[in-house]
Amino acid sequence: MEYQLKTRQICLFFIAFLPLGKFFMMPSVIAGITGEDCWISVLINILIDFAVFSVLLYVAKKSDANIYTLLSRSLGKTLSKIVLILYVIYFLLKSVLSIYEQKEYVESTIYLNAQNVFYFLPFFIAAFFLCVKKLRILGRAADVFFLITLIGYVLLIALSINNLDLASVLPIGANGFTNIIKGSYKSINWFGDAVYFAFFIGEFKFGKKDRIKLSLSYVISCIMTLLFILVFYSVFTYISFRQRYALTETSKYTTVINNLERFDYFGISCILLSNVIGAALPVFFCSKILCKLIDIKRKWITILVLIGIETILITVFSEYYKSIEDFILNYAGYYYIFMSVILPCCAPLLIIKKDKNAVEIKPKKEKKNAVYQS
């Protein structure tokens, strides 16, 4: 059997791409609700994601097929298509916020002139190129962008150390349990990363020590996110909610930059470069599901229509983005919880169904008399 991915590539994928989308708008959103307890809200979401990931890791170890085969074999064609359609909607919703926040960041931070809709169009070209490729492209991209992400991340954190006030995160729990849970709920859109791993099931050879390797790499990506949130709030404390894009703000006030002329832009550029893949991940998985649902010979047509819809939503309807953002943050959270937590936790049932089928199709034993008859 030819596998699309290797365990090493999935490990690098977790570190290279999963934390990136959480470095833009999410810190200010949570800080506006929970204040110094923002890291607790993030930690809750991280623990939930890791629990879901552990369940999927068990399924990956026991399965003998990819997620599409497991669904169709256990649920039947009709019900499996319904589940896949729900994930199409899930990834579409998830992609809108991840793409738009990077678009707005690039246009308002990198470019000094007036904003232009054409500045961000190359992203959609890159997304189309990514989507027409097979799943193995993510493994190869992880090999390339892993080091770029780490360089950018370490540089931004290092430039922020001089401005840290770690005492600002105390006292713990001062904003109350209700606000902490509310902060977790409103930021759920930026989490649910374990769902990506569900579509890696059956696409790589699960070795003896792969559970430890995959879990450790996933934990590293979680630590990167949690550390960034702590650094962000320690730098801005009670005005954190005003810093809409944390990526730039955490490092730009260091005294080193006064002598180096915004050297932090090198780290920011590294993160933005890697996030071209990171922001396109929901579109990529959405396109793969659509290609399974819509069985046509020229798959690129389906992908082109999807990229066209994304382009229209991000560019033409940009004036309505605030309403879309409010809907995603305030109301879509229940749908995210259902699709990224509840359904993946039911994945072991697919393995139970497989085992039952295996028992049913066992060949019958030959009768003893058959030997003498021959």
Protein backbone atom coordinates (compact mmCIF):
# COMPACT_ATOMS: atom_id res chain seq x y z
CA MET A 1 0.00 0.00 0.00
CA GLU A 2 1.30 3.43 -0.98
CA TYR A 3 0.90 6.03 1.76
CA GLN A 4 0.48 9.73 1.07
CA LEU A 5 2.27 10.90 4.22
CA LYS A 6 5.00 9.91 6.65
CA THR A 7 4.82 10.16 10.43
CA ARG A 8 7.70 12.64 10.44
CA GLN A 9 5.83 14.92 8.04
CA ILE A 10 2.70 14.91 10.19
CA CYS A 11 4.79 15.80 13.24
CA LEU A 12 6.33 18.73 11.38
CA PHE A 13 2.88 19.69 10.06
CA PHE A 14 1.60 20.16 13.62
CA ILE A 15 4.45 22.50 14.52
CA ALA A 16 4.74 24.34 11.21
CA PHE A 17 1.08 25.27 10.62
CA LEU A 18 -1.30 24.63 13.53
CA PRO A 19 -0.24 27.51 15.84
CA LEU A 20 -0.04 30.19 13.12
CA GLY A 21 -3.68 31.23 12.84
CA LYS A 22 -3.77 31.92 16.58
CA PHE A 23 -1.15 34.69 16.37
CA PHE A 24 -3.34 37.34 14.71
CA MET A 25 -6.73 38.34 16.08
CA MET A 26 -7.49 35.63 18.64
CA PRO A 27 -5.40 37.02 21.57
CA SER A 28 -7.19 40.39 21.54
CA VAL A 29 -10.63 38.71 21.31
CA ILE A 30 -10.00 36.55 24.38
CA ALA A 31 -8.24 39.35 26.31
CA GLY A 32 -11.31 41.55 25.84
CA ILE A 33 -13.41 38.96 27.71
CA THR A 34 -11.13 37.35 30.29
CA GLY A 35 -8.33 39.88 30.79
CA GLU A 36 -5.36 38.33 32.60
CA ASP A 37 -7.11 34.95 32.53
CA CYS A 38 -6.95 34.75 28.74
CA TRP A 39 -4.33 32.01 28.95
CA ILE A 40 -6.73 29.86 30.98
CA SER A 41 -9.36 30.08 28.23
CA VAL A 42 -6.72 29.05 25.72
CA LEU A 43 -5.56 26.20 27.96
CA ILE A 44 -9.12 24.84 28.20
CA ASN A 45 -9.42 24.73 24.41
CA ILE A 46 -5.98 23.15 24.12
CA LEU A 47 -6.88 20.38 26.58
CA ILE A 48 -10.13 19.68 24.73
CA ASP A 49 -8.28 19.53 21.42
CA PHE A 50 -5.66 17.19 22.83
CA ALA A 51 -8.35 14.88 24.22
CA VAL A 52 -9.97 14.72 20.77
CA PHE A 53 -6.56 14.16 19.19
CA SER A 54 -5.90 11.25 21.58
CA VAL A 55 -9.16 9.60 20.50
CA LEU A 56 -8.28 10.02 16.82
CA LEU A 57 -4.79 8.72 17.51
CA TYR A 58 -6.34 5.50 18.82
CA VAL A 59 -8.49 5.24 15.69
CA ALA A 60 -5.46 5.80 13.47
CA LYS A 61 -3.62 2.98 15.21
CA LYS A 62 -6.49 0.51 14.85
CA SER A 63 -7.81 1.47 11.39
CA ASP A 64 -6.95 -0.16 8.10
CA ALA A 65 -8.38 2.52 5.81
CA ASN A 66 -8.77 6.28 5.43
CA ILE A 67 -11.59 8.30 6.94
CA TYR A 68 -13.74 8.20 3.78
CA THR A 69 -13.66 4.40 3.65
CA LEU A 70 -14.33 4.10 7.38
CA LEU A 71 -17.38 6.36 7.11
CA SER A 72 -18.90 4.65 4.07
CA ARG A 73 -18.24 1.17 5.47
CA SER A 74 -19.80 1.95 8.85
CA LEU A 75 -22.53 4.48 8.07
CA GLY A 76 -23.42 3.65 4.49
CA LYS A 77 -23.17 5.93 1.47
CA THR A 78 -26.05 8.26 2.30
CA LEU A 79 -25.23 8.94 5.93
CA SER A 80 -21.50 9.24 5.23
CA LYS A 81 -22.24 11.86 2.55
CA ILE A 82 -24.30 13.83 5.07
CA VAL A 83 -21.38 13.81 7.53
CA LEU A 84 -18.98 14.94 4.80
CA ILE A 85 -21.34 17.76 3.76
CA LEU A 86 -21.41 18.96 7.37
CA TYR A 87 -17.61 19.07 7.29
CA VAL A 88 -17.70 21.05 4.05
CA ILE A 89 -19.77 23.69 5.86
CA TYR A 90 -17.45 23.48 8.87
CA PHE A 91 -14.30 24.11 6.83
CA LEU A 92 -15.97 26.89 4.84
CA LEU A 93 -16.88 28.74 8.03
CA LYS A 94 -13.44 28.12 9.47
CA SER A 95 -11.72 29.41 6.32
CA VAL A 96 -13.52 32.76 6.19
CA LEU A 97 -12.07 34.10 9.43
CA SER A 98 -8.59 32.62 8.95
CA ILE A 99 -8.21 34.07 5.46
CA TYR A 100 -9.76 37.44 6.16
CA GLU A 101 -7.72 38.20 9.26
CA GLN A 102 -4.52 37.53 7.34
CA LYS A 103 -5.80 39.66 4.43
CA GLU A 104 -6.64 42.56 6.72
CA TYR A 105 -3.32 42.22 8.53
CA VAL A 106 -1.30 42.25 5.31
CA GLU A 107 -3.16 45.21 3.82
CA SER A 108 -3.14 47.35 6.96
CA THR A 109 0.34 46.51 8.26
CA ILE A 110 2.65 45.59 5.41
CA TYR A 111 1.42 48.08 2.81
CA LEU A 112 1.79 51.80 3.50
CA ASN A 113 -0.38 52.97 0.59
CA ALA A 114 -4.15 52.79 0.35
CA GLN A 115 -5.61 49.30 0.52
CA ASN A 116 -6.17 47.55 -2.77
CA VAL A 117 -8.15 44.39 -3.43
CA PHE A 118 -5.40 43.10 -5.74
CA TYR A 119 -2.81 42.97 -2.94
CA PHE A 120 -4.21 39.72 -1.59
CA LEU A 121 -5.28 37.97 -4.80
CA PRO A 122 -1.98 35.98 -5.06
CA PHE A 123 -3.09 34.11 -1.94
CA PHE A 124 -6.04 32.59 -3.80
CA ILE A 125 -3.76 31.55 -6.65
CA ALA A 126 -1.51 29.80 -4.13
CA ALA A 127 -4.57 28.21 -2.49
CA PHE A 128 -5.78 26.88 -5.85
CA PHE A 129 -2.35 25.43 -6.59
CA LEU A 130 -2.33 23.77 -3.15
CA CYS A 131 -5.82 22.30 -3.53
CA VAL A 132 -5.22 20.67 -6.92
CA LYS A 133 -2.35 18.67 -5.42
CA LYS A 134 -2.71 15.40 -3.53
CA LEU A 135 -2.52 15.08 0.24
CA ARG A 136 1.22 14.44 0.11
CA ILE A 137 1.76 18.14 -0.72
CA LEU A 138 1.08 18.96 2.95
CA GLY A 139 3.87 16.65 4.04
CA ARG A 140 6.32 18.22 1.63
CA ALA A 141 5.21 21.71 2.66
CA ALA A 142 5.76 20.80 6.32
CA ASP A 143 9.33 19.72 5.51
CA VAL A 144 10.01 23.13 3.95
CA PHE A 145 8.10 25.51 6.24
CA PHE A 146 8.88 23.84 9.57
CA LEU A 147 12.17 25.70 9.99
CA ILE A 148 10.74 28.97 8.63
CA THR A 149 7.97 28.92 11.25
CA LEU A 150 10.38 28.20 14.09
CA ILE A 151 12.75 30.99 13.03
CA GLY A 152 9.94 33.53 12.90
CA TYR A 153 8.40 32.38 16.18
CA VAL A 154 11.66 32.33 18.16
CA LEU A 155 12.63 35.75 16.82
CA LEU A 156 9.32 37.38 17.79
CA ILE A 157 9.36 35.84 21.26
CA ALA A 158 13.00 36.82 21.80
CA LEU A 159 12.33 40.43 20.82
CA SER A 160 9.45 40.60 23.32
CA ILE A 161 11.33 39.36 26.41
CA ASN A 162 12.50 42.82 27.53
CA ASN A 163 8.91 44.09 27.75
CA LEU A 164 7.40 41.22 29.70
CA ASP A 165 5.55 41.75 32.95
CA LEU A 166 4.68 38.23 34.03
CA ALA A 167 3.08 39.49 37.23
CA SER A 168 0.28 40.94 35.07
CA VAL A 169 -1.30 37.49 34.67
CA LEU A 170 -1.95 37.35 38.41
CA PRO A 171 -4.20 36.77 40.28
CA ILE A 172 -5.34 33.61 38.54
CA GLY A 173 -9.09 33.33 37.99
CA ALA A 174 -9.84 36.93 38.95
CA ASN A 175 -12.35 37.35 36.10
CA GLY A 176 -14.53 34.46 37.16
CA PHE A 177 -15.32 31.06 35.71
CA THR A 178 -18.15 32.38 33.52
CA ASN A 179 -15.93 34.80 31.61
CA ILE A 180 -13.21 32.17 31.22
CA ILE A 181 -15.67 29.75 29.62
CA LYS A 182 -17.08 32.55 27.47
CA GLY A 183 -13.57 33.33 26.25
CA SER A 184 -13.06 29.67 25.37
CA TYR A 185 -16.36 29.56 23.50
CA LYS A 186 -15.70 32.70 21.46
CA SER A 187 -12.25 31.49 20.44
CA ILE A 188 -13.29 27.96 19.49
CA ASN A 189 -13.08 28.91 15.80
CA TRP A 190 -9.27 29.08 16.05
CA PHE A 191 -9.05 25.63 17.60
CA GLY A 192 -10.37 22.20 16.58
CA ASP A 193 -7.05 21.36 14.93
CA ALA A 194 -7.45 17.67 15.73
CA VAL A 195 -9.99 17.46 12.90
CA TYR A 196 -7.17 17.83 10.39
CA PHE A 197 -5.58 14.69 11.79
CA ALA A 198 -8.83 12.78 11.17
CA PHE A 199 -8.20 13.15 7.44
CA PHE A 200 -4.67 11.79 7.87
CA ILE A 201 -6.00 8.49 9.23
CA GLY A 202 -5.05 5.64 6.92
CA GLU A 203 -2.77 7.91 4.89
CA PHE A 204 0.42 7.02 6.79
CA LYS A 205 1.96 3.87 8.21
CA PHE A 206 1.43 3.77 11.97
CA GLY A 207 4.62 2.49 13.62
CA LYS A 208 5.32 1.29 17.14
CA LYS A 209 6.53 4.63 18.56
CA ASP A 210 4.34 6.87 16.40
CA ARG A 211 1.87 7.55 19.22
CA ILE A 212 4.65 9.18 21.28
CA LYS A 213 6.08 11.10 18.32
CA LEU A 214 2.74 12.47 17.19
CA SER A 215 1.60 13.33 20.71
CA LEU A 216 4.85 15.12 21.51
CA SER A 217 4.76 17.21 18.34
CA TYR A 218 1.13 18.12 18.99
CA VAL A 219 2.02 19.17 22.54
CA ILE A 220 4.83 21.36 21.18
CA SER A 221 2.38 23.17 18.90
CA CYS A 222 0.05 23.70 21.88
CA ILE A 223 2.90 25.07 24.01
CA MET A 224 3.80 27.51 21.22
CA THR A 225 0.24 28.87 21.27
CA LEU A 226 0.02 29.09 25.06
CA LEU A 227 3.42 30.79 25.35
CA PHE A 228 2.48 33.36 22.72
CA ILE A 229 -0.73 34.25 24.59
CA LEU A 230 1.21 34.69 27.85
CA VAL A 231 3.79 36.90 26.13
CA PHE A 232 1.09 38.97 24.43
CA TYR A 233 -0.78 39.75 27.63
CA SER A 234 2.42 40.28 29.62
CA VAL A 235 3.44 42.98 27.14
CA PHE A 236 0.13 44.88 26.89
CA THR A 237 -1.72 43.88 30.09
CA TYR A 238 -5.02 45.81 30.44
CA ILE A 239 -4.90 47.35 26.92
CA SER A 240 -4.46 43.94 25.23
CA PHE A 241 -7.99 43.95 23.86
CA ARG A 242 -7.11 47.00 21.72
CA GLN A 243 -4.22 45.25 19.96
CA ARG A 244 -6.22 43.60 17.18
CA TYR A 245 -3.20 41.98 15.54
CA ALA A 246 -0.93 40.48 18.16
CA LEU A 247 1.66 39.30 15.65
CA THR A 248 3.15 42.75 15.10
CA GLU A 249 2.47 44.34 18.45
CA THR A 250 4.29 41.97 20.80
CA SER A 251 7.77 42.79 19.54
CA LYS A 252 7.70 46.28 18.05
CA TYR A 253 8.37 48.17 21.31
CA THR A 254 11.63 46.48 22.22
CA THR A 255 14.66 48.74 22.60
CA VAL A 256 16.63 46.61 20.15
CA ILE A 257 14.32 47.62 17.31
CA ASN A 258 15.10 51.28 17.87
CA ASN A 259 18.62 50.49 16.69
CA LEU A 260 17.77 47.85 14.08
CA GLU A 261 14.85 49.59 12.34
CA ARG A 262 12.02 47.08 12.79
CA PHE A 263 14.13 43.95 12.55
CA ASP A 264 11.04 42.13 13.80
CA TYR A 265 9.61 42.31 10.28
CA PHE A 266 11.91 39.44 9.35
CA GLY A 267 10.21 37.22 11.93
CA ILE A 268 6.78 38.49 10.88
CA SER A 269 7.56 37.71 7.23
CA CYS A 270 8.52 34.15 8.17
CA ILE A 271 5.22 33.64 9.99
CA LEU A 272 3.22 35.18 7.13
CA LEU A 273 5.00 33.01 4.58
CA SER A 274 4.17 29.83 6.48
CA ASN A 275 0.64 31.01 7.10
CA VAL A 276 -0.06 31.04 3.37
CA ILE A 277 -0.35 27.28 3.85
CA GLY A 278 -1.85 27.56 7.33
CA ALA A 279 -4.70 29.86 6.30
CA ALA A 280 -5.43 27.72 3.23
CA LEU A 281 -5.74 24.46 5.19
CA PRO A 282 -9.55 24.69 5.69
CA VAL A 283 -9.96 25.35 1.96
CA PHE A 284 -7.67 22.42 1.14
CA PHE A 285 -9.62 19.90 3.21
CA CYS A 286 -12.92 21.36 2.02
CA SER A 287 -11.82 20.84 -1.60
CA LYS A 288 -10.80 17.24 -0.95
CA ILE A 289 -14.20 16.45 0.56
CA LEU A 290 -16.02 18.14 -2.33
CA CYS A 291 -14.00 16.16 -4.85
CA LYS A 292 -15.14 12.97 -3.08
CA LEU A 293 -18.77 14.09 -3.06
CA ILE A 294 -18.84 15.46 -6.62
CA ASP A 295 -17.52 12.70 -8.83
CA ILE A 296 -16.34 14.42 -12.00
CA LYS A 297 -13.30 13.69 -14.12
CA ARG A 298 -11.82 17.21 -13.99
CA LYS A 299 -11.42 17.79 -10.28
CA TRP A 300 -9.88 21.22 -10.85
CA ILE A 301 -13.30 22.58 -11.89
CA THR A 302 -14.75 21.83 -8.45
CA ILE A 303 -11.71 23.38 -6.82
CA LEU A 304 -11.89 26.46 -9.04
CA VAL A 305 -15.54 27.03 -8.09
CA LEU A 306 -14.65 26.70 -4.39
CA ILE A 307 -11.75 29.16 -4.66
CA GLY A 308 -14.04 31.52 -6.59
CA ILE A 309 -16.60 31.44 -3.78
CA GLU A 310 -13.88 32.12 -1.20
CA THR A 311 -12.52 35.01 -3.28
CA ILE A 312 -15.97 36.60 -3.57
CA LEU A 313 -16.65 36.22 0.16
CA ILE A 314 -13.32 37.76 1.14
CA THR A 315 -13.15 40.59 -1.41
CA VAL A 316 -16.62 41.54 -2.67
CA PHE A 317 -18.40 41.10 0.67
CA SER A 318 -15.60 42.56 2.78
CA GLU A 319 -17.84 45.44 3.91
CA TYR A 320 -20.08 42.89 5.63
CA TYR A 321 -17.16 41.17 7.33
CA LYS A 322 -17.95 42.60 10.77
CA SER A 323 -21.38 40.96 10.69
CA ILE A 324 -19.85 37.68 9.52
CA GLU A 325 -17.25 37.86 12.27
CA ASP A 326 -19.89 38.51 14.94
CA PHE A 327 -21.93 35.54 13.70
CA ILE A 328 -18.91 33.21 13.80
CA LEU A 329 -17.74 34.35 17.23
CA ASN A 330 -21.13 34.55 18.94
CA TYR A 331 -23.34 31.90 17.33
CA ALA A 332 -21.33 29.41 15.27
CA GLY A 333 -19.45 28.10 18.30
CA TYR A 334 -22.04 25.37 18.96
CA TYR A 335 -21.58 24.06 15.44
CA TYR A 336 -17.80 24.10 15.86
CA ILE A 337 -18.06 22.15 19.11
CA PHE A 338 -20.29 19.55 17.47
CA MET A 339 -18.05 19.09 14.43
CA SER A 340 -14.62 19.37 16.09
CA VAL A 341 -15.31 17.70 19.45
CA ILE A 342 -18.45 15.55 19.55
CA LEU A 343 -18.27 13.88 16.12
CA PRO A 344 -14.52 13.10 16.25
CA CYS A 345 -14.97 11.55 19.70
CA CYS A 346 -17.46 9.13 18.11
CA ALA A 347 -14.80 7.95 15.64
CA PRO A 348 -13.94 4.76 17.64
CA LEU A 349 -17.41 3.50 16.70
CA LEU A 350 -16.13 3.22 13.13
CA ILE A 351 -13.52 0.73 14.33
CA ILE A 352 -16.08 -1.28 16.33
CA LYS A 353 -18.22 -1.54 13.23
CA LYS A 354 -15.23 -2.80 11.27
CA ASP A 355 -14.49 -5.47 13.88
CA LYS A 356 -18.07 -6.72 13.81
CA ASN A 357 -17.99 -7.01 10.04
CA ALA A 358 -14.73 -8.90 10.28
CA VAL A 359 -16.41 -11.48 12.54
CA GLU A 360 -19.38 -11.87 10.24
CA ILE A 361 -17.37 -12.66 7.12
CA LYS A 362 -15.15 -15.36 8.66
CA PRO A 363 -15.09 -18.41 6.38
CA LYS A 364 -16.90 -21.50 7.54
CA LYS A 365 -14.92 -24.50 8.66
CA GLU A 366 -14.80 -27.44 6.28
CA LYS A 367 -16.63 -30.55 7.29
CA LYS A 368 -14.54 -33.52 8.30
CA ASN A 369 -16.33 -35.76 5.81
CA ALA A 370 -15.12 -33.54 2.98
CA VAL A 371 -11.63 -35.03 3.36
CA TYR A 372 -12.86 -38.59 2.93
CA GLN A 373 -15.12 -37.65 0.05
CA SER A 374 -12.16 -36.24 -1.85
